[in-house]
Structures are given as structure tokens and as C-alpha cells.
């Protein structure tokens, strides 16, 4: 299960298939250096996104 406190780089390493879900939800900075140490919540705030909505989409993608 993905939580908003998880580090984006760690999530992508464990679940590379979620890159598409990040992109589809407006998170285009997956390859940037900050994503390697930034939580989903931190990145969502910086990009003006709803972290809870993003996490929900990520978990739905994992279940599919």
C-alpha cells in the first residue's frame, strides 16, 4: 500500500509501473533529483496537487 509519506524514488523503484499513474495525475517530475528524497505529500504540495487523490490513484493502479 502506498502512503503519502513514502519517498517517490522508493515507490518508483519498487513499482516502476506506477510512473504512468504519476504522470496521469500531473506529477511529471519523476526523473528529477528531488523525487529521490521527496515524499509524495511534499511533491504534491510543491506542484499544487491533492496528495490524497494521488495516493488513491496509485493504490488503485496497484490493485489493477
C-alpha atoms as a PDB file:
ATOM      1  CA  UNK A   1       0.000   0.000   0.000  1.00  0.00           C
ATOM      2  CA  UNK A   2       1.251   3.431  -0.968  1.00  0.00           C
ATOM      3  CA  UNK A   3       1.059   6.281   1.553  1.00  0.00           C
ATOM      4  CA  UNK A   4       1.706   9.983   1.067  1.00  0.00           C
ATOM      5  CA  UNK A   5       4.686   9.807   3.423  1.00  0.00           C
ATOM      6  CA  UNK A   6       6.546   7.449   1.089  1.00  0.00           C
ATOM      7  CA  UNK A   7       9.501   8.727  -0.943  1.00  0.00           C
ATOM      8  CA  UNK A   8       8.704   8.965  -4.662  1.00  0.00           C
ATOM      9  CA  UNK A   9      12.017   7.413  -5.729  1.00  0.00           C
ATOM     10  CA  UNK A  10      11.439   4.401  -3.469  1.00  0.00           C
ATOM     11  CA  UNK A  11       7.895   3.936  -4.790  1.00  0.00           C
ATOM     12  CA  UNK A  12       9.127   4.024  -8.399  1.00  0.00           C
ATOM     13  CA  UNK A  13      11.957   1.613  -7.642  1.00  0.00           C
ATOM     14  CA  UNK A  14       9.532  -0.861  -6.081  1.00  0.00           C
ATOM     15  CA  UNK A  15       6.728  -0.284  -8.607  1.00  0.00           C
ATOM     16  CA  UNK A  16       8.051   1.138 -11.900  1.00  0.00           C
ATOM     17  CA  UNK A  17       4.649   0.572 -13.493  1.00  0.00           C
ATOM     18  CA  UNK A  18       3.307   3.457 -11.375  1.00  0.00           C
ATOM     19  CA  UNK A  19       5.224   6.054 -13.408  1.00  0.00           C
ATOM     20  CA  UNK A  20       2.223   6.221 -15.761  1.00  0.00           C
ATOM     21  CA  UNK A  21      -0.102   6.880 -12.837  1.00  0.00           C
ATOM     22  CA  UNK A  22       2.124   9.667 -11.514  1.00  0.00           C
ATOM     23  CA  UNK A  23       2.148  11.245 -14.995  1.00  0.00           C
ATOM     24  CA  UNK A  24      -1.618  10.823 -15.454  1.00  0.00           C
ATOM     25  CA  UNK A  25      -2.175  12.667 -12.188  1.00  0.00           C
ATOM     26  CA  UNK A  26       0.010  15.667 -13.004  1.00  0.00           C
ATOM     27  CA  UNK A  27       3.240  14.559 -11.335  1.00  0.00           C
ATOM     28  CA  UNK A  28       5.743  14.969 -14.155  1.00  0.00           C
ATOM     29  CA  UNK A  29       8.896  15.313 -12.051  1.00  0.00           C
ATOM     30  CA  UNK A  30       9.531  11.608 -11.560  1.00  0.00           C
ATOM     31  CA  UNK A  31      13.039  11.777 -13.011  1.00  0.00           C
ATOM     32  CA  UNK A  32      14.138  14.937 -11.224  1.00  0.00           C
ATOM     33  CA  UNK A  33      16.741  14.624  -8.462  1.00  0.00           C
ATOM     34  CA  UNK A  34      14.326  15.932  -5.807  1.00  0.00           C
ATOM     35  CA  UNK A  35      11.991  12.982  -6.348  1.00  0.00           C
ATOM     36  CA  UNK A  36      14.662  10.666  -4.971  1.00  0.00           C
ATOM     37  CA  UNK A  37      14.276  12.140  -1.486  1.00  0.00           C
ATOM     38  CA  UNK A  38      10.885  13.830  -1.575  1.00  0.00           C
ATOM     39  CA  UNK A  39       7.702  12.310  -0.210  1.00  0.00           C
ATOM     40  CA  UNK A  40       4.548  12.109  -2.279  1.00  0.00           C
ATOM     41  CA  UNK A  41       2.949  14.672   0.053  1.00  0.00           C
ATOM     42  CA  UNK A  42       5.864  17.121  -0.297  1.00  0.00           C
ATOM     43  CA  UNK A  43       5.908  16.851  -4.082  1.00  0.00           C
ATOM     44  CA  UNK A  44       2.131  17.192  -4.303  1.00  0.00           C
ATOM     45  CA  UNK A  45       2.277  20.396  -2.267  1.00  0.00           C
ATOM     46  CA  UNK A  46       5.025  21.851  -4.466  1.00  0.00           C
ATOM     47  CA  UNK A  47       3.046  21.031  -7.610  1.00  0.00           C
ATOM     48  CA  UNK A  48      -0.349  22.110  -6.276  1.00  0.00           C
ATOM     49  CA  UNK A  49      -1.782  18.598  -6.346  1.00  0.00           C
ATOM     50  CA  UNK A  50      -4.024  16.764  -3.902  1.00  0.00           C
ATOM     51  CA  UNK A  51      -1.782  14.173  -2.219  1.00  0.00           C
ATOM     52  CA  UNK A  52      -4.713  12.069  -1.040  1.00  0.00           C
ATOM     53  CA  UNK A  53      -6.136  11.878  -4.551  1.00  0.00           C
ATOM     54  CA  UNK A  54      -2.737  10.933  -5.981  1.00  0.00           C
ATOM     55  CA  UNK A  55      -2.200   8.216  -3.364  1.00  0.00           C
ATOM     56  CA  UNK A  56      -5.665   6.848  -4.046  1.00  0.00           C
ATOM     57  CA  UNK A  57      -4.899   6.656  -7.783  1.00  0.00           C
ATOM     58  CA  UNK A  58      -1.565   4.953  -7.101  1.00  0.00           C
ATOM     59  CA  UNK A  59      -3.161   2.333  -4.866  1.00  0.00           C
ATOM     60  CA  UNK A  60      -5.928   1.719  -7.412  1.00  0.00           C
ATOM     61  CA  UNK A  61      -3.282   1.161 -10.089  1.00  0.00           C
ATOM     62  CA  UNK A  62      -1.504  -1.346  -7.849  1.00  0.00           C
ATOM     63  CA  UNK A  63      -4.726  -3.310  -7.409  1.00  0.00           C
ATOM     64  CA  UNK A  64      -5.450  -3.427 -11.138  1.00  0.00           C
END
